[in-house]
Amino acid sequence: MLPVLPVLPAVAEGDTAEALITAAKDADVLVLGTRGRSPLAGLLLGSVSQTCAAAAPCPTVLVKKDDFPHG
C-alpha cells in the first residue's frame, strides 16, 4: 500500500523560481517537472527547475517529461 501524502496547493506571483523557492520553505520536498530542453537552451533561456534544485531549502525532485506514462 502506498503512503498517503498531503499535497497543499498555493498561489504565488512574481518570478517563477523565486516564488517556488519561497513557497518551499516549510516543505518536506519540492517536485518539479522539466521540459527537457538541451543544456545550451537551458543556459540561454534559464531553467526554473535547475534554479530551484540549486537553491530550494528542501530536497528537490526533478521529473522528466518522458518519465510520465502515456495514457
C-alpha atoms as a PDB file:
ATOM      1  CA  MET A   1       0.000   0.000   0.000  1.00  0.00           C
ATOM      2  CA  LEU A   2       1.326   3.433  -0.934  1.00  0.00           C
ATOM      3  CA  PRO A   3       1.570   6.067   1.784  1.00  0.00           C
ATOM      4  CA  VAL A   4      -0.859   8.961   1.699  1.00  0.00           C
ATOM      5  CA  LEU A   5       0.977  12.241   1.215  1.00  0.00           C
ATOM      6  CA  PRO A   6      -0.638  15.609   1.837  1.00  0.00           C
ATOM      7  CA  VAL A   7      -0.456  17.995  -1.113  1.00  0.00           C
ATOM      8  CA  LEU A   8      -1.078  21.628  -0.328  1.00  0.00           C
ATOM      9  CA  PRO A   9      -1.914  23.951  -3.217  1.00  0.00           C
ATOM     10  CA  ALA A  10      -0.565  27.505  -3.229  1.00  0.00           C
ATOM     11  CA  VAL A  11      -0.850  30.543  -5.472  1.00  0.00           C
ATOM     12  CA  ALA A  12       2.099  32.900  -5.895  1.00  0.00           C
ATOM     13  CA  GLU A  13       3.046  35.813  -8.116  1.00  0.00           C
ATOM     14  CA  GLY A  14       6.396  37.036  -9.406  1.00  0.00           C
ATOM     15  CA  ASP A  15       9.484  35.281 -10.699  1.00  0.00           C
ATOM     16  CA  THR A  16       8.665  31.580 -11.028  1.00  0.00           C
ATOM     17  CA  ALA A  17      11.830  30.157  -9.472  1.00  0.00           C
ATOM     18  CA  GLU A  18      11.844  32.660  -6.608  1.00  0.00           C
ATOM     19  CA  ALA A  19       8.168  32.001  -5.869  1.00  0.00           C
ATOM     20  CA  LEU A  20       8.699  28.226  -5.796  1.00  0.00           C
ATOM     21  CA  ILE A  21      11.777  28.513  -3.571  1.00  0.00           C
ATOM     22  CA  THR A  22       9.914  30.796  -1.155  1.00  0.00           C
ATOM     23  CA  ALA A  23       6.860  28.518  -1.132  1.00  0.00           C
ATOM     24  CA  ALA A  24       9.075  25.502  -0.365  1.00  0.00           C
ATOM     25  CA  LYS A  25      10.458  26.995   2.862  1.00  0.00           C
ATOM     26  CA  ASP A  26       8.352  24.680   5.046  1.00  0.00           C
ATOM     27  CA  ALA A  27       8.064  21.797   2.572  1.00  0.00           C
ATOM     28  CA  ASP A  28       9.498  18.315   3.001  1.00  0.00           C
ATOM     29  CA  VAL A  29      10.174  18.025  -0.733  1.00  0.00           C
ATOM     30  CA  LEU A  30       9.718  20.103  -3.895  1.00  0.00           C
ATOM     31  CA  VAL A  31       8.710  18.148  -7.008  1.00  0.00           C
ATOM     32  CA  LEU A  32       9.045  19.823 -10.400  1.00  0.00           C
ATOM     33  CA  GLY A  33       8.569  18.697 -13.963  1.00  0.00           C
ATOM     34  CA  THR A  34      11.171  19.511 -16.606  1.00  0.00           C
ATOM     35  CA  ARG A  35      10.705  20.293 -20.278  1.00  0.00           C
ATOM     36  CA  GLY A  36      13.864  18.512 -21.335  1.00  0.00           C
ATOM     37  CA  ARG A  37      15.480  21.415 -23.157  1.00  0.00           C
ATOM     38  CA  SER A  38      19.060  20.977 -24.248  1.00  0.00           C
ATOM     39  CA  PRO A  39      21.726  22.190 -21.805  1.00  0.00           C
ATOM     40  CA  LEU A  40      22.509  25.100 -24.160  1.00  0.00           C
ATOM     41  CA  ALA A  41      18.858  26.181 -24.353  1.00  0.00           C
ATOM     42  CA  GLY A  42      18.583  25.912 -20.570  1.00  0.00           C
ATOM     43  CA  LEU A  43      21.668  28.080 -20.189  1.00  0.00           C
ATOM     44  CA  LEU A  44      20.435  30.713 -22.641  1.00  0.00           C
ATOM     45  CA  LEU A  45      16.792  30.770 -21.568  1.00  0.00           C
ATOM     46  CA  GLY A  46      17.258  29.931 -17.898  1.00  0.00           C
ATOM     47  CA  SER A  47      15.895  26.892 -16.145  1.00  0.00           C
ATOM     48  CA  VAL A  48      13.376  27.162 -13.341  1.00  0.00           C
ATOM     49  CA  SER A  49      13.964  23.547 -12.304  1.00  0.00           C
ATOM     50  CA  GLN A  50      17.768  23.967 -12.186  1.00  0.00           C
ATOM     51  CA  THR A  51      17.477  27.191 -10.185  1.00  0.00           C
ATOM     52  CA  CYS A  52      15.092  25.554  -7.712  1.00  0.00           C
ATOM     53  CA  ALA A  53      17.240  22.439  -7.371  1.00  0.00           C
ATOM     54  CA  ALA A  54      20.239  24.615  -6.526  1.00  0.00           C
ATOM     55  CA  ALA A  55      18.522  26.990  -4.115  1.00  0.00           C
ATOM     56  CA  ALA A  56      15.485  25.266  -2.580  1.00  0.00           C
ATOM     57  CA  PRO A  57      15.543  24.889   1.207  1.00  0.00           C
ATOM     58  CA  CYS A  58      14.389  21.260   0.922  1.00  0.00           C
ATOM     59  CA  PRO A  59      15.202  18.237  -1.260  1.00  0.00           C
ATOM     60  CA  THR A  60      14.093  18.739  -4.860  1.00  0.00           C
ATOM     61  CA  VAL A  61      12.952  16.006  -7.260  1.00  0.00           C
ATOM     62  CA  LEU A  62      13.033  16.776 -10.995  1.00  0.00           C
ATOM     63  CA  VAL A  63      10.800  14.604 -13.161  1.00  0.00           C
ATOM     64  CA  LYS A  64      11.479  14.488 -16.888  1.00  0.00           C
ATOM     65  CA  LYS A  65       8.515  14.583 -19.248  1.00  0.00           C
ATOM     66  CA  ASP A  66       9.474  11.151 -20.616  1.00  0.00           C
ATOM     67  CA  ASP A  67       9.175   9.630 -17.116  1.00  0.00           C
ATOM     68  CA  PHE A  68       5.376  10.008 -17.146  1.00  0.00           C
ATOM     69  CA  PRO A  69       3.409   7.055 -18.515  1.00  0.00           C
ATOM     70  CA  HIS A  70       1.487   7.799 -21.691  1.00  0.00           C
ATOM     71  CA  GLY A  71      -2.145   7.077 -21.465  1.00  0.00           C
END
